Amino acid sequence: MPYASIEVLPPQIREHLPQQAREIYREAFNNAWEEYADSGERREGIAHRVAWAAVKRRYLKKGNAWVPL
């Protein structure tokens, strides 16, 4: 289900990504949720993969921190 704000993202996202990356994740997830509406039960998994791909285009994980590229 789409996320209304970054405060309601899953804890593993909220606690580890910087705010800008969380915003990217939320926007990409919500867009993918709409785009893949006909994907049935795979919809949520697809949306999460799309969201992570969007974050990884702008951020890199170094050690335990996500840093902008």
N, C-alpha and C. Protein backbone atom coordinates (compact mmCIF):
# COMPACT_ATOMS: atom_id res chain seq x y z
N MET A 1 0.85 -1.17 0.00
CA MET A 1 0.00 0.00 0.00
C MET A 1 0.89 1.23 0.00
N PRO A 2 0.50 2.29 -0.70
CA PRO A 2 1.33 3.49 -0.79
C PRO A 2 1.59 4.13 0.58
N TYR A 3 2.69 4.83 0.65
CA TYR A 3 3.08 5.50 1.90
C TYR A 3 2.70 6.97 1.84
N ALA A 4 1.94 7.44 2.82
CA ALA A 4 1.48 8.83 2.86
C ALA A 4 2.61 9.80 3.21
N SER A 5 3.58 9.34 3.97
CA SER A 5 4.70 10.19 4.36
C SER A 5 5.91 9.31 4.66
N ILE A 6 7.08 9.94 4.81
CA ILE A 6 8.27 9.16 5.11
C ILE A 6 8.26 8.61 6.53
N GLU A 7 7.42 9.19 7.38
CA GLU A 7 7.33 8.72 8.77
C GLU A 7 6.69 7.33 8.88
N VAL A 8 5.98 6.90 7.86
CA VAL A 8 5.31 5.59 7.92
C VAL A 8 6.02 4.53 7.08
N LEU A 9 7.20 4.86 6.57
CA LEU A 9 7.99 3.86 5.85
C LEU A 9 8.39 2.74 6.82
N PRO A 10 8.70 1.56 6.30
CA PRO A 10 9.15 0.47 7.19
C PRO A 10 10.38 0.91 8.00
N PRO A 11 10.51 0.39 9.22
CA PRO A 11 11.64 0.79 10.08
C PRO A 11 13.01 0.63 9.43
N GLN A 12 13.24 -0.43 8.68
CA GLN A 12 14.55 -0.63 8.07
C GLN A 12 14.88 0.47 7.06
N ILE A 13 13.87 1.11 6.50
CA ILE A 13 14.09 2.24 5.59
C ILE A 13 14.27 3.52 6.41
N ARG A 14 13.33 3.77 7.30
CA ARG A 14 13.33 4.98 8.12
C ARG A 14 14.61 5.14 8.94
N GLU A 15 15.11 4.06 9.48
CA GLU A 15 16.23 4.13 10.42
C GLU A 15 17.60 4.14 9.75
N HIS A 16 17.67 3.80 8.46
CA HIS A 16 18.98 3.66 7.83
C HIS A 16 19.24 4.62 6.68
N LEU A 17 18.19 5.13 6.05
CA LEU A 17 18.41 6.04 4.93
C LEU A 17 18.33 7.49 5.37
N PRO A 18 19.14 8.36 4.75
CA PRO A 18 19.02 9.80 5.02
C PRO A 18 17.65 10.30 4.53
N GLN A 19 17.23 11.44 5.01
CA GLN A 19 15.90 11.95 4.69
C GLN A 19 15.66 12.05 3.18
N GLN A 20 16.58 12.61 2.43
CA GLN A 20 16.42 12.75 0.98
C GLN A 20 16.23 11.37 0.33
N ALA A 21 16.98 10.38 0.77
CA ALA A 21 16.85 9.04 0.22
C ALA A 21 15.50 8.43 0.58
N ARG A 22 15.00 8.72 1.78
CA ARG A 22 13.67 8.24 2.18
C ARG A 22 12.60 8.84 1.29
N GLU A 23 12.76 10.11 0.95
CA GLU A 23 11.79 10.76 0.07
C GLU A 23 11.82 10.14 -1.32
N ILE A 24 13.03 9.86 -1.82
CA ILE A 24 13.17 9.18 -3.11
C ILE A 24 12.49 7.82 -3.06
N TYR A 25 12.75 7.07 -1.99
CA TYR A 25 12.17 5.73 -1.83
C TYR A 25 10.65 5.80 -1.84
N ARG A 26 10.09 6.70 -1.05
CA ARG A 26 8.63 6.81 -0.95
C ARG A 26 8.00 7.17 -2.29
N GLU A 27 8.58 8.14 -2.96
CA GLU A 27 8.03 8.56 -4.25
C GLU A 27 8.11 7.44 -5.28
N ALA A 28 9.25 6.77 -5.35
CA ALA A 28 9.41 5.68 -6.31
C ALA A 28 8.47 4.51 -5.98
N PHE A 29 8.35 4.19 -4.69
CA PHE A 29 7.45 3.11 -4.28
C PHE A 29 6.01 3.43 -4.69
N ASN A 30 5.57 4.63 -4.36
CA ASN A 30 4.19 5.01 -4.66
C ASN A 30 3.92 5.02 -6.17
N ASN A 31 4.87 5.49 -6.95
CA ASN A 31 4.71 5.48 -8.41
C ASN A 31 4.64 4.05 -8.93
N ALA A 32 5.52 3.19 -8.45
CA ALA A 32 5.52 1.79 -8.89
C ALA A 32 4.25 1.09 -8.45
N TRP A 33 3.75 1.42 -7.27
CA TRP A 33 2.50 0.82 -6.77
C TRP A 33 1.38 1.08 -7.76
N GLU A 34 1.31 2.30 -8.27
CA GLU A 34 0.27 2.65 -9.25
C GLU A 34 0.55 1.98 -10.60
N GLU A 35 1.79 2.03 -11.04
CA GLU A 35 2.15 1.51 -12.35
C GLU A 35 1.93 0.00 -12.46
N TYR A 36 2.17 -0.73 -11.39
CA TYR A 36 2.06 -2.19 -11.42
C TYR A 36 0.78 -2.68 -10.74
N ALA A 37 -0.27 -1.93 -10.87
CA ALA A 37 -1.55 -2.25 -10.23
C ALA A 37 -2.09 -3.62 -10.66
N ASP A 38 -1.75 -4.05 -11.85
CA ASP A 38 -2.26 -5.32 -12.37
C ASP A 38 -1.36 -6.52 -12.06
N SER A 39 -0.41 -6.35 -11.16
CA SER A 39 0.55 -7.41 -10.87
C SER A 39 0.14 -8.34 -9.74
N GLY A 40 -1.04 -8.17 -9.22
CA GLY A 40 -1.54 -9.06 -8.17
C GLY A 40 -0.70 -9.00 -6.92
N GLU A 41 -0.46 -10.18 -6.34
CA GLU A 41 0.26 -10.22 -5.07
C GLU A 41 1.74 -9.88 -5.20
N ARG A 42 2.25 -9.82 -6.42
CA ARG A 42 3.65 -9.43 -6.64
C ARG A 42 3.85 -7.92 -6.58
N ARG A 43 2.75 -7.17 -6.57
CA ARG A 43 2.78 -5.72 -6.66
C ARG A 43 3.67 -5.06 -5.61
N GLU A 44 3.52 -5.44 -4.37
CA GLU A 44 4.31 -4.81 -3.30
C GLU A 44 5.80 -5.09 -3.45
N GLY A 45 6.15 -6.33 -3.76
CA GLY A 45 7.55 -6.68 -3.94
C GLY A 45 8.18 -5.91 -5.09
N ILE A 46 7.44 -5.78 -6.18
CA ILE A 46 7.93 -5.02 -7.33
C ILE A 46 8.15 -3.57 -6.92
N ALA A 47 7.19 -3.00 -6.21
CA ALA A 47 7.30 -1.59 -5.81
C ALA A 47 8.51 -1.37 -4.91
N HIS A 48 8.79 -2.30 -4.00
CA HIS A 48 9.97 -2.17 -3.13
C HIS A 48 11.25 -2.26 -3.95
N ARG A 49 11.31 -3.17 -4.91
CA ARG A 49 12.51 -3.28 -5.75
C ARG A 49 12.74 -2.01 -6.58
N VAL A 50 11.68 -1.46 -7.13
CA VAL A 50 11.79 -0.22 -7.89
C VAL A 50 12.27 0.91 -6.99
N ALA A 51 11.73 0.98 -5.78
CA ALA A 51 12.12 2.04 -4.84
C ALA A 51 13.60 1.94 -4.46
N TRP A 52 14.07 0.72 -4.18
CA TRP A 52 15.49 0.54 -3.85
C TRP A 52 16.37 0.91 -5.03
N ALA A 53 15.95 0.56 -6.24
CA ALA A 53 16.74 0.90 -7.43
C ALA A 53 16.84 2.42 -7.57
N ALA A 54 15.75 3.13 -7.28
CA ALA A 54 15.77 4.60 -7.36
C ALA A 54 16.75 5.18 -6.34
N VAL A 55 16.75 4.66 -5.13
CA VAL A 55 17.69 5.13 -4.11
C VAL A 55 19.12 4.86 -4.54
N LYS A 56 19.38 3.67 -5.06
CA LYS A 56 20.75 3.28 -5.42
C LYS A 56 21.28 4.05 -6.62
N ARG A 57 20.41 4.71 -7.39
CA ARG A 57 20.88 5.57 -8.48
C ARG A 57 21.45 6.88 -7.94
N ARG A 58 21.06 7.26 -6.72
CA ARG A 58 21.49 8.54 -6.15
C ARG A 58 22.36 8.39 -4.89
N TYR A 59 22.37 7.20 -4.29
CA TYR A 59 23.09 6.98 -3.04
C TYR A 59 23.91 5.70 -3.12
N LEU A 60 24.99 5.67 -2.36
CA LEU A 60 25.87 4.51 -2.27
C LEU A 60 26.04 4.17 -0.80
N LYS A 61 26.01 2.89 -0.48
CA LYS A 61 26.22 2.48 0.90
C LYS A 61 27.72 2.31 1.15
N LYS A 62 28.23 3.06 2.11
CA LYS A 62 29.63 2.96 2.52
C LYS A 62 29.63 2.58 3.99
N GLY A 63 30.04 1.35 4.28
CA GLY A 63 29.98 0.87 5.65
C GLY A 63 28.53 0.76 6.06
N ASN A 64 28.16 1.46 7.10
CA ASN A 64 26.77 1.45 7.58
C ASN A 64 25.99 2.68 7.17
N ALA A 65 26.60 3.56 6.36
CA ALA A 65 25.95 4.81 5.99
C ALA A 65 25.65 4.86 4.49
N TRP A 66 24.55 5.53 4.16
CA TRP A 66 24.20 5.80 2.77
C TRP A 66 24.65 7.22 2.46
N VAL A 67 25.48 7.37 1.42
CA VAL A 67 26.02 8.68 1.07
C VAL A 67 25.63 9.04 -0.36
N PRO A 68 25.39 10.32 -0.62
CA PRO A 68 25.05 10.74 -1.99
C PRO A 68 26.19 10.45 -2.95
N LEU A 69 25.84 10.15 -4.17
CA LEU A 69 26.86 9.93 -5.20
C LEU A 69 27.40 11.26 -5.70
